[in-house]
Amino acid sequence: MAGSSDGASRWIEASSRLSSSRHSLGSARQAPQLAFFVLGKFLRLLSVYALFKFLSARNGTESIVVFTFVCSLVSGALFFIFQRPWHGRPLTTSQIYLTALNGGVLALALLLWGKSLQACGPVRTVLAEYTGAMLGAASTLVLGRGGHKWKKGGGLAAMLVAFYVLFRGWTIASLSPFSAGSSDSDEQGRVGLGPISMSIAAGTLFALRRIVARRVSIKATMKKRLHSITVAAATCFLFPFAMLQLSLGQETSPTTEAHGSPAWAYMSTIVFGMVAGFYVDNYAEERLHILATSSEHLLVTSVLLIVLELVIYQMDFSLVGFLICSSLLGFGIYESTSSEKLPSEIVSSTPPM
């Protein structure tokens, strides 16, 4: 009896060592993938700051419509070269209709995002992209899907507070109550209801685009093919408005700031922002199971924003206010989604189309 108990204990110890070694091996294998994800997110955020510097140097004379159309046109051509959507399984009529509709959603989201960046700055615009998580928590709370309603309600309340203090200017040193030189009467950096609405609407439309893309196809290869068609459809939606803007003419002003040149703004937005950004987020979702509206995704984004604001660009940035906003937002996202099933798990348990 004693020998059998010793053997059982040795078997349990060996199995625990084996499981821990497998976990460490999996973590070691994921380290390069996580580094690739962080590098991709850094380049994408770098393109956001390059575009913001370019728009600020132009003093509002650069047309967001024309800029978005050109970037969408070139990135759509690159997606067609990479994905070749005419190859493979033919698309159904419903897939074509939903993809074209998704192109309209993407076009409107890009326009609102550009306007928001011009008016609100990079930090508030980037954090507003997580509005989809707040709306997802609100929908699950209202529709009553699943349990843990108190956790979801608390998470939703935390996200609402986070966005309130964000747009009150707590991340800006001259407006933050935690900065010595702040003043409530200082209106520099404050935004009105219009830019706030555009930021929230852009984040909502980006989330809606991802939902429609998942509904159309759950296969990774098909999603990439459909995304190339979505960008092409967005370009078609933007074409008449861009041509109208060009026919009306626009004033130009010289740019003197660093990174304010049109070439750097266009190239970084197309390559890092639209093309590489899509592949990086798709890679993180498939390999690392990090969703675009998850708390892990927000953590990486927050750390990179701190580096860009404080170290590289040295903006008017309040670290304490930003940490409060990002912590509240991350806590809200975690509490609202921790009890939900991950989309990657749903995909793996869904039969192929």
Protein backbone atom coordinates (compact mmCIF):
# COMPACT_ATOMS: atom_id res chain seq x y z
CA MET A 1 0.00 0.00 0.00
CA ALA A 2 2.85 2.36 0.87
CA GLY A 3 4.64 1.57 -2.39
CA SER A 4 1.54 2.29 -4.40
CA SER A 5 1.03 5.63 -2.63
CA ASP A 6 4.69 6.57 -3.25
CA GLY A 7 4.31 5.67 -6.90
CA ALA A 8 1.15 7.75 -7.18
CA SER A 9 2.86 10.73 -5.55
CA ARG A 10 5.87 10.39 -7.88
CA TRP A 11 3.50 10.21 -10.88
CA ILE A 12 1.70 13.36 -9.75
CA GLU A 13 5.01 15.17 -9.23
CA ALA A 14 6.29 14.08 -12.63
CA SER A 15 3.07 15.16 -14.35
CA SER A 16 3.20 18.56 -12.63
CA ARG A 17 6.82 19.02 -13.77
CA LEU A 18 5.82 18.03 -17.30
CA SER A 19 2.93 20.49 -17.37
CA SER A 20 5.13 23.30 -16.01
CA SER A 21 7.81 22.54 -18.59
CA ARG A 22 5.21 22.62 -21.36
CA HIS A 23 3.94 25.95 -20.05
CA SER A 24 7.46 27.43 -19.99
CA LEU A 25 8.15 26.05 -23.47
CA GLY A 26 4.94 27.61 -24.76
CA SER A 27 5.86 30.93 -23.13
CA ALA A 28 9.32 30.78 -24.72
CA ARG A 29 7.78 30.11 -28.11
CA GLN A 30 5.36 33.02 -27.69
CA ALA A 31 8.09 35.52 -26.77
CA PRO A 32 9.15 36.24 -30.40
CA GLN A 33 5.50 36.44 -31.42
CA LEU A 34 4.78 38.92 -28.64
CA ALA A 35 7.84 40.97 -29.64
CA PHE A 36 6.57 41.06 -33.24
CA PHE A 37 3.18 42.24 -32.01
CA VAL A 38 4.70 45.00 -29.85
CA LEU A 39 6.91 46.16 -32.72
CA GLY A 40 3.94 46.24 -35.09
CA LYS A 41 1.86 48.25 -32.62
CA PHE A 42 4.73 50.68 -32.09
CA LEU A 43 5.06 51.31 -35.83
CA ARG A 44 1.32 51.78 -36.14
CA LEU A 45 1.26 54.33 -33.30
CA LEU A 46 4.30 56.01 -34.82
CA SER A 47 2.29 56.51 -38.01
CA VAL A 48 -0.51 58.08 -35.94
CA TYR A 49 1.90 60.65 -34.49
CA ALA A 50 3.41 61.29 -37.92
CA LEU A 51 -0.04 62.04 -39.31
CA PHE A 52 -0.88 64.26 -36.33
CA LYS A 53 2.33 66.25 -36.77
CA PHE A 54 1.60 66.62 -40.48
CA LEU A 55 -1.96 67.83 -39.89
CA SER A 56 -0.81 70.21 -37.17
CA ALA A 57 1.89 71.66 -39.42
CA ARG A 58 -0.70 72.26 -42.16
CA ASN A 59 -2.87 74.25 -39.71
CA GLY A 60 -6.07 72.54 -40.79
CA THR A 61 -5.62 73.20 -44.52
CA GLU A 62 -5.05 69.54 -45.43
CA SER A 63 -8.21 67.76 -46.58
CA ILE A 64 -8.94 64.68 -44.48
CA VAL A 65 -11.16 63.34 -47.25
CA VAL A 66 -8.46 63.49 -49.92
CA PHE A 67 -5.81 62.12 -47.56
CA THR A 68 -8.04 59.19 -46.55
CA PHE A 69 -8.93 58.46 -50.17
CA VAL A 70 -5.30 58.34 -51.30
CA CYS A 71 -4.26 56.14 -48.40
CA SER A 72 -7.23 53.83 -48.95
CA LEU A 73 -6.50 53.62 -52.68
CA VAL A 74 -2.84 52.68 -52.26
CA SER A 75 -3.43 50.30 -49.34
CA GLY A 76 -6.28 48.64 -51.26
CA ALA A 77 -3.91 48.04 -54.18
CA LEU A 78 -1.35 46.52 -51.80
CA PHE A 79 -3.99 44.27 -50.24
CA PHE A 80 -5.03 43.10 -53.72
CA ILE A 81 -1.41 42.26 -54.54
CA PHE A 82 -0.88 40.38 -51.29
CA GLN A 83 -4.21 38.56 -51.00
CA ARG A 84 -5.35 38.12 -54.63
CA PRO A 85 -9.04 37.96 -53.71
CA TRP A 86 -10.01 36.69 -57.19
CA HIS A 87 -8.34 33.36 -56.37
CA GLY A 88 -9.89 30.69 -54.20
CA ARG A 89 -13.46 29.83 -53.39
CA PRO A 90 -16.08 32.06 -55.08
CA LEU A 91 -17.89 34.47 -52.78
CA THR A 92 -21.60 34.15 -52.15
CA THR A 93 -24.02 36.98 -52.84
CA SER A 94 -24.53 37.67 -49.14
CA GLN A 95 -20.77 37.86 -48.58
CA ILE A 96 -20.40 40.38 -51.41
CA TYR A 97 -23.24 42.56 -50.09
CA LEU A 98 -22.00 42.50 -46.49
CA THR A 99 -18.42 43.19 -47.58
CA ALA A 100 -19.53 46.18 -49.67
CA LEU A 101 -21.56 47.46 -46.71
CA ASN A 102 -18.54 46.97 -44.50
CA GLY A 103 -16.55 49.11 -46.94
CA GLY A 104 -18.97 51.98 -46.37
CA VAL A 105 -18.62 51.55 -42.61
CA LEU A 106 -14.82 51.55 -42.92
CA ALA A 107 -14.83 54.68 -45.09
CA LEU A 108 -16.95 56.61 -42.59
CA ALA A 109 -14.86 55.33 -39.67
CA LEU A 110 -11.62 56.47 -41.32
CA LEU A 111 -13.01 59.95 -42.00
CA LEU A 112 -14.26 60.37 -38.44
CA TRP A 113 -10.98 58.99 -37.08
CA GLY A 114 -8.97 61.52 -39.10
CA LYS A 115 -11.16 64.41 -37.94
CA SER A 116 -10.86 63.18 -34.36
CA LEU A 117 -7.07 62.98 -34.59
CA GLN A 118 -6.92 66.51 -35.92
CA ALA A 119 -9.09 67.89 -33.11
CA CYS A 120 -8.38 65.65 -30.10
CA GLY A 121 -4.78 64.52 -30.56
CA PRO A 122 -3.25 61.04 -30.63
CA VAL A 123 -3.87 59.86 -27.05
CA ARG A 124 -7.58 60.55 -26.92
CA THR A 125 -8.13 59.29 -30.46
CA VAL A 126 -6.27 56.02 -29.89
CA LEU A 127 -7.95 55.29 -26.56
CA ALA A 128 -11.34 56.09 -28.10
CA GLU A 129 -10.79 53.10 -30.40
CA TYR A 130 -11.69 50.93 -27.39
CA THR A 131 -15.23 52.28 -27.39
CA GLY A 132 -16.34 49.01 -28.94
CA ALA A 133 -15.58 47.21 -25.67
CA MET A 134 -17.81 49.63 -23.79
CA LEU A 135 -20.68 49.16 -26.23
CA GLY A 136 -20.20 45.39 -26.11
CA ALA A 137 -20.48 45.46 -22.32
CA ALA A 138 -23.59 47.65 -22.55
CA SER A 139 -25.25 45.32 -25.05
CA THR A 140 -24.60 42.20 -22.96
CA LEU A 141 -25.89 43.99 -19.86
CA VAL A 142 -29.07 45.24 -21.54
CA LEU A 143 -29.83 42.07 -23.47
CA GLY A 144 -29.12 39.94 -20.42
CA ARG A 145 -26.81 37.44 -22.10
CA GLY A 146 -24.82 35.37 -19.62
CA GLY A 147 -24.33 35.96 -15.92
CA HIS A 148 -22.11 38.18 -13.77
CA LYS A 149 -24.27 41.24 -14.39
CA TRP A 150 -22.76 43.07 -11.42
CA LYS A 151 -19.27 42.61 -12.82
CA LYS A 152 -20.37 43.78 -16.27
CA GLY A 153 -22.19 46.75 -14.77
CA GLY A 154 -19.14 47.73 -12.74
CA GLY A 155 -16.90 47.34 -15.77
CA LEU A 156 -19.21 49.50 -17.86
CA ALA A 157 -19.25 52.18 -15.15
CA ALA A 158 -15.43 52.14 -14.99
CA MET A 159 -15.19 52.58 -18.77
CA LEU A 160 -17.65 55.49 -18.71
CA VAL A 161 -15.62 57.22 -16.01
CA ALA A 162 -12.42 56.56 -17.98
CA PHE A 163 -13.78 58.19 -21.13
CA TYR A 164 -15.18 61.10 -19.11
CA VAL A 165 -11.84 61.97 -17.50
CA LEU A 166 -10.08 61.30 -20.82
CA PHE A 167 -12.07 63.90 -22.71
CA ARG A 168 -11.91 66.27 -19.74
CA GLY A 169 -8.21 66.52 -20.55
CA TRP A 170 -6.64 64.62 -17.66
CA THR A 171 -3.98 63.20 -20.01
CA ILE A 172 -2.84 66.76 -20.91
CA ALA A 173 -0.44 68.34 -18.43
CA SER A 174 -1.87 71.85 -18.82
CA LEU A 175 -5.38 70.57 -18.00
CA SER A 176 -4.76 67.68 -15.64
CA PRO A 177 -5.63 68.30 -11.96
CA PHE A 178 -2.46 66.37 -11.03
CA SER A 179 -0.09 68.81 -12.76
CA ALA A 180 1.33 71.83 -10.94
CA GLY A 181 0.83 74.19 -13.86
CA SER A 182 -2.72 73.13 -14.68
CA SER A 183 -5.59 75.57 -14.71
CA ASP A 184 -9.30 74.95 -15.07
CA SER A 185 -9.63 78.24 -16.95
CA ASP A 186 -7.07 77.18 -19.57
CA GLU A 187 -9.03 76.16 -22.64
CA GLN A 188 -6.05 74.96 -24.67
CA GLY A 189 -6.47 71.28 -25.39
CA ARG A 190 -10.14 71.15 -24.44
CA VAL A 191 -12.45 69.68 -27.05
CA GLY A 192 -16.13 70.22 -27.63
CA LEU A 193 -18.97 67.81 -28.05
CA GLY A 194 -18.39 67.51 -31.80
CA PRO A 195 -14.84 66.06 -31.67
CA ILE A 196 -15.82 63.83 -28.74
CA SER A 197 -18.75 62.47 -30.74
CA MET A 198 -16.51 61.85 -33.74
CA SER A 199 -13.99 59.95 -31.61
CA ILE A 200 -16.64 57.72 -30.06
CA ALA A 201 -18.40 57.22 -33.39
CA ALA A 202 -15.11 56.22 -35.07
CA GLY A 203 -14.35 53.65 -32.36
CA THR A 204 -17.90 52.29 -32.61
CA LEU A 205 -17.70 51.95 -36.40
CA PHE A 206 -14.34 50.18 -36.20
CA ALA A 207 -15.87 47.68 -33.76
CA LEU A 208 -18.89 47.26 -36.04
CA ARG A 209 -16.60 46.56 -38.99
CA ARG A 210 -14.84 43.80 -37.05
CA ILE A 211 -18.16 42.26 -36.03
CA VAL A 212 -19.45 42.22 -39.62
CA ALA A 213 -16.14 40.74 -40.84
CA ARG A 214 -16.44 37.90 -38.32
CA ARG A 215 -20.05 37.28 -39.34
CA VAL A 216 -19.16 37.07 -43.01
CA SER A 217 -16.35 34.54 -42.54
CA ILE A 218 -14.61 32.84 -39.64
CA LYS A 219 -11.68 31.48 -41.65
CA ALA A 220 -8.46 33.48 -41.46
CA THR A 221 -7.64 33.22 -45.17
CA MET A 222 -11.14 34.22 -46.20
CA LYS A 223 -11.14 37.15 -43.76
CA LYS A 224 -7.96 38.50 -45.35
CA ARG A 225 -9.45 38.16 -48.84
CA LEU A 226 -12.63 39.90 -47.75
CA HIS A 227 -10.68 42.69 -46.07
CA SER A 228 -8.98 43.54 -49.35
CA ILE A 229 -12.42 43.82 -50.96
CA THR A 230 -13.63 45.90 -47.99
CA VAL A 231 -10.80 48.41 -48.46
CA ALA A 232 -11.55 48.56 -52.18
CA ALA A 233 -15.21 49.23 -51.42
CA ALA A 234 -14.22 51.95 -48.95
CA THR A 235 -12.10 53.57 -51.69
CA CYS A 236 -15.12 53.57 -54.00
CA PHE A 237 -17.24 55.24 -51.34
CA LEU A 238 -14.58 57.91 -50.78
CA PHE A 239 -13.94 58.59 -54.48
CA PRO A 240 -16.80 61.05 -55.24
CA PHE A 241 -16.21 63.06 -52.06
CA ALA A 242 -12.47 63.27 -52.73
CA MET A 243 -13.08 64.39 -56.32
CA LEU A 244 -15.53 67.02 -55.09
CA GLN A 245 -12.99 68.26 -52.56
CA LEU A 246 -10.28 68.48 -55.23
CA SER A 247 -12.58 70.30 -57.65
CA LEU A 248 -13.33 72.91 -55.00
CA GLY A 249 -9.62 73.41 -54.41
CA GLN A 250 -7.76 73.65 -51.12
CA GLU A 251 -5.17 75.95 -49.67
CA THR A 252 -1.73 74.65 -48.80
CA SER A 253 0.81 75.96 -46.38
CA PRO A 254 4.47 75.05 -46.02
CA THR A 255 5.46 72.59 -43.33
CA THR A 256 8.49 73.27 -41.19
CA GLU A 257 8.10 70.75 -38.36
CA ALA A 258 10.00 67.50 -38.25
CA HIS A 259 7.99 64.62 -39.67
CA GLY A 260 5.59 67.17 -41.16
CA SER A 261 6.35 66.27 -44.76
CA PRO A 262 3.54 64.76 -46.85
CA ALA A 263 5.71 61.86 -48.01
CA TRP A 264 6.36 60.60 -44.47
CA ALA A 265 2.73 61.09 -43.41
CA TYR A 266 1.34 59.22 -46.44
CA MET A 267 3.92 56.45 -46.38
CA SER A 268 3.69 55.74 -42.65
CA THR A 269 -0.12 55.80 -42.68
CA ILE A 270 -0.34 53.42 -45.64
CA VAL A 271 2.44 50.99 -44.74
CA PHE A 272 2.35 50.96 -40.94
CA GLY A 273 -1.15 52.21 -40.17
CA MET A 274 -3.43 50.50 -42.69
CA VAL A 275 -1.55 47.52 -44.17
CA ALA A 276 0.82 46.33 -41.45
CA GLY A 277 -1.65 47.35 -38.73
CA PHE A 278 -4.28 44.96 -40.09
CA TYR A 279 -1.87 42.05 -40.36
CA VAL A 280 -0.42 42.67 -36.88
CA ASP A 281 -3.86 42.73 -35.22
CA ASN A 282 -4.92 39.67 -37.18
CA TYR A 283 -1.71 37.87 -36.18
CA ALA A 284 -2.21 38.76 -32.51
CA GLU A 285 -5.78 37.48 -32.58
CA GLU A 286 -4.88 34.18 -34.26
CA ARG A 287 -1.56 33.34 -32.59
CA LEU A 288 -1.60 35.18 -29.26
CA HIS A 289 -5.39 35.33 -28.71
CA ILE A 290 -5.12 39.08 -28.04
CA LEU A 291 -8.24 40.78 -29.33
CA ALA A 292 -8.27 44.36 -30.53
CA THR A 293 -10.53 45.43 -27.63
CA SER A 294 -8.97 43.31 -24.87
CA SER A 295 -7.23 44.50 -21.72
CA GLU A 296 -3.94 42.95 -22.91
CA HIS A 297 -4.13 44.94 -26.15
CA LEU A 298 -4.84 48.10 -24.15
CA LEU A 299 -1.85 47.42 -21.88
CA VAL A 300 0.57 47.25 -24.82
CA THR A 301 -0.97 50.36 -26.38
CA SER A 302 -0.74 52.31 -23.10
CA VAL A 303 2.94 51.50 -22.57
CA LEU A 304 3.79 52.51 -26.13
CA LEU A 305 1.79 55.74 -25.82
CA ILE A 306 3.78 56.65 -22.71
CA VAL A 307 7.05 56.06 -24.59
CA LEU A 308 5.93 58.13 -27.56
CA GLU A 309 4.52 60.98 -25.48
CA LEU A 310 7.29 61.32 -22.91
CA VAL A 311 10.45 60.07 -24.62
CA ILE A 312 10.15 60.52 -28.38
CA TYR A 313 7.84 63.49 -28.97
CA GLN A 314 7.82 65.09 -25.48
CA MET A 315 4.24 66.25 -25.76
CA ASP A 316 2.07 68.11 -23.24
CA PHE A 317 1.42 64.88 -21.35
CA SER A 318 0.27 64.07 -17.82
CA LEU A 319 1.52 60.64 -16.79
CA VAL A 320 -0.63 60.40 -13.66
CA GLY A 321 -3.81 61.38 -15.49
CA PHE A 322 -3.06 58.94 -18.30
CA LEU A 323 -2.41 56.09 -15.86
CA ILE A 324 -5.74 56.76 -14.16
CA CYS A 325 -7.61 56.80 -17.49
CA SER A 326 -5.93 53.68 -18.88
CA SER A 327 -6.27 51.80 -15.58
CA LEU A 328 -9.98 52.53 -15.35
CA LEU A 329 -10.45 51.57 -18.99
CA GLY A 330 -8.44 48.36 -18.63
CA PHE A 331 -10.27 47.40 -15.42
CA GLY A 332 -13.61 48.01 -17.12
CA ILE A 333 -12.69 45.93 -20.15
CA TYR A 334 -11.39 43.08 -17.98
CA GLU A 335 -14.44 43.00 -15.71
CA SER A 336 -16.82 43.16 -18.67
CA THR A 337 -15.17 40.46 -20.76
CA SER A 338 -13.47 38.11 -18.27
CA SER A 339 -16.54 35.88 -18.03
CA GLU A 340 -17.20 35.88 -21.77
CA LYS A 341 -16.02 33.27 -24.21
CA LEU A 342 -13.20 34.43 -26.45
CA PRO A 343 -14.00 34.73 -30.15
CA SER A 344 -11.02 32.49 -30.90
CA GLU A 345 -12.62 29.76 -28.81
CA ILE A 346 -15.91 30.30 -30.56
CA VAL A 347 -14.21 29.98 -33.91
CA SER A 348 -12.44 26.76 -32.93
CA SER A 349 -15.72 25.22 -31.76
CA THR A 350 -17.70 26.30 -34.81
CA PRO A 351 -17.97 23.89 -37.74
CA PRO A 352 -16.30 25.06 -40.97
CA MET A 353 -18.44 26.80 -43.54
